[in-house]
């Protein structure tokens, strides 16, 4: 299956026009529409900013990947 993604902004909710598509005349295609969740996108950006801020703290600089892996293993094994 060939997948093609195109972002459009709805101007008239009764009509959607797609132009410049890479399909041949008569080719059958499946159309799936997914509305962007603007509130969720804003929360994701806030979370990314929080992660960046947290990772820049001096305490976080002292934590290595090995230390993280060790702690995850301890948690999973119930220690």
C-alpha atoms as a PDB file:
ATOM      1  CA  UNK A   1       0.000   0.000   0.000  1.00  0.00           C
ATOM      2  CA  UNK A   2       1.311   3.436  -0.935  1.00  0.00           C
ATOM      3  CA  UNK A   3       0.703   5.975   1.817  1.00  0.00           C
ATOM      4  CA  UNK A   4       0.545   9.688   1.114  1.00  0.00           C
ATOM      5  CA  UNK A   5       0.085  12.304   3.827  1.00  0.00           C
ATOM      6  CA  UNK A   6      -1.120  15.820   3.173  1.00  0.00           C
ATOM      7  CA  UNK A   7      -2.064  18.474   5.719  1.00  0.00           C
ATOM      8  CA  UNK A   8      -4.903  20.856   4.903  1.00  0.00           C
ATOM      9  CA  UNK A   9      -6.863  23.458   6.834  1.00  0.00           C
ATOM     10  CA  UNK A  10     -10.639  23.179   6.619  1.00  0.00           C
ATOM     11  CA  UNK A  11     -12.144  26.365   5.233  1.00  0.00           C
ATOM     12  CA  UNK A  12     -15.642  25.041   4.511  1.00  0.00           C
ATOM     13  CA  UNK A  13     -16.745  22.050   6.631  1.00  0.00           C
ATOM     14  CA  UNK A  14     -19.100  20.960   3.855  1.00  0.00           C
ATOM     15  CA  UNK A  15     -16.296  20.567   1.313  1.00  0.00           C
ATOM     16  CA  UNK A  16     -12.699  19.409   1.100  1.00  0.00           C
ATOM     17  CA  UNK A  17     -10.626  19.754  -2.053  1.00  0.00           C
ATOM     18  CA  UNK A  18      -7.334  17.912  -2.462  1.00  0.00           C
ATOM     19  CA  UNK A  19      -5.112  18.857  -5.382  1.00  0.00           C
ATOM     20  CA  UNK A  20      -1.756  17.699  -6.682  1.00  0.00           C
ATOM     21  CA  UNK A  21      -2.158  14.099  -5.542  1.00  0.00           C
ATOM     22  CA  UNK A  22       0.309  11.444  -6.746  1.00  0.00           C
ATOM     23  CA  UNK A  23      -2.332   8.931  -7.894  1.00  0.00           C
ATOM     24  CA  UNK A  24      -3.382   7.930 -11.385  1.00  0.00           C
ATOM     25  CA  UNK A  25      -6.910   8.473 -12.739  1.00  0.00           C
ATOM     26  CA  UNK A  26      -9.244   5.653 -11.736  1.00  0.00           C
ATOM     27  CA  UNK A  27      -6.978   4.422  -8.946  1.00  0.00           C
ATOM     28  CA  UNK A  28      -8.922   3.496  -5.836  1.00  0.00           C
ATOM     29  CA  UNK A  29      -7.685   5.161  -2.621  1.00  0.00           C
ATOM     30  CA  UNK A  30      -8.730   5.085   1.012  1.00  0.00           C
ATOM     31  CA  UNK A  31      -9.290   8.462   2.663  1.00  0.00           C
ATOM     32  CA  UNK A  32      -8.791   8.753   6.435  1.00  0.00           C
ATOM     33  CA  UNK A  33      -9.198  12.100   8.157  1.00  0.00           C
ATOM     34  CA  UNK A  34      -7.752  12.750  11.601  1.00  0.00           C
ATOM     35  CA  UNK A  35      -8.320  16.117  13.227  1.00  0.00           C
ATOM     36  CA  UNK A  36      -5.315  17.638  14.959  1.00  0.00           C
ATOM     37  CA  UNK A  37      -5.874  17.919  18.693  1.00  0.00           C
ATOM     38  CA  UNK A  38      -4.552  21.421  19.339  1.00  0.00           C
ATOM     39  CA  UNK A  39      -4.945  21.134  23.115  1.00  0.00           C
ATOM     40  CA  UNK A  40      -2.973  17.891  23.153  1.00  0.00           C
ATOM     41  CA  UNK A  41      -0.277  19.401  20.944  1.00  0.00           C
ATOM     42  CA  UNK A  42       0.080  22.308  23.371  1.00  0.00           C
ATOM     43  CA  UNK A  43       0.400  19.904  26.330  1.00  0.00           C
ATOM     44  CA  UNK A  44       3.033  17.870  24.495  1.00  0.00           C
ATOM     45  CA  UNK A  45       5.065  21.031  23.838  1.00  0.00           C
ATOM     46  CA  UNK A  46       4.788  22.033  27.518  1.00  0.00           C
ATOM     47  CA  UNK A  47       5.983  18.574  28.523  1.00  0.00           C
ATOM     48  CA  UNK A  48       8.933  18.749  26.121  1.00  0.00           C
ATOM     49  CA  UNK A  49       9.900  22.122  27.582  1.00  0.00           C
ATOM     50  CA  UNK A  50       9.702  20.679  31.098  1.00  0.00           C
ATOM     51  CA  UNK A  51      11.899  17.727  30.067  1.00  0.00           C
ATOM     52  CA  UNK A  52      14.479  20.079  28.548  1.00  0.00           C
ATOM     53  CA  UNK A  53      14.496  22.231  31.685  1.00  0.00           C
ATOM     54  CA  UNK A  54      14.785  19.187  33.951  1.00  0.00           C
ATOM     55  CA  UNK A  55      17.591  17.662  31.890  1.00  0.00           C
ATOM     56  CA  UNK A  56      19.557  20.908  32.083  1.00  0.00           C
ATOM     57  CA  UNK A  57      19.582  20.931  35.900  1.00  0.00           C
ATOM     58  CA  UNK A  58      22.999  20.232  37.482  1.00  0.00           C
ATOM     59  CA  UNK A  59      21.608  17.215  39.377  1.00  0.00           C
ATOM     60  CA  UNK A  60      20.503  15.625  36.100  1.00  0.00           C
ATOM     61  CA  UNK A  61      23.942  16.081  34.546  1.00  0.00           C
ATOM     62  CA  UNK A  62      25.382  13.659  37.113  1.00  0.00           C
ATOM     63  CA  UNK A  63      22.993  10.829  36.101  1.00  0.00           C
ATOM     64  CA  UNK A  64      24.396   8.417  33.519  1.00  0.00           C
ATOM     65  CA  UNK A  65      22.576   6.049  31.162  1.00  0.00           C
ATOM     66  CA  UNK A  66      24.073   3.132  33.122  1.00  0.00           C
ATOM     67  CA  UNK A  67      22.647   4.509  36.381  1.00  0.00           C
ATOM     68  CA  UNK A  68      19.218   4.797  34.791  1.00  0.00           C
ATOM     69  CA  UNK A  69      19.372   1.258  33.380  1.00  0.00           C
ATOM     70  CA  UNK A  70      20.445  -0.082  36.784  1.00  0.00           C
ATOM     71  CA  UNK A  71      17.584   1.647  38.560  1.00  0.00           C
ATOM     72  CA  UNK A  72      15.048   0.389  36.004  1.00  0.00           C
ATOM     73  CA  UNK A  73      16.369  -3.168  36.435  1.00  0.00           C
ATOM     74  CA  UNK A  74      16.117  -2.877  40.223  1.00  0.00           C
ATOM     75  CA  UNK A  75      12.548  -1.639  39.967  1.00  0.00           C
ATOM     76  CA  UNK A  76      11.549  -4.423  37.588  1.00  0.00           C
ATOM     77  CA  UNK A  77      13.090  -7.093  39.780  1.00  0.00           C
ATOM     78  CA  UNK A  78      11.288  -5.739  42.869  1.00  0.00           C
ATOM     79  CA  UNK A  79      14.395  -4.718  44.816  1.00  0.00           C
END
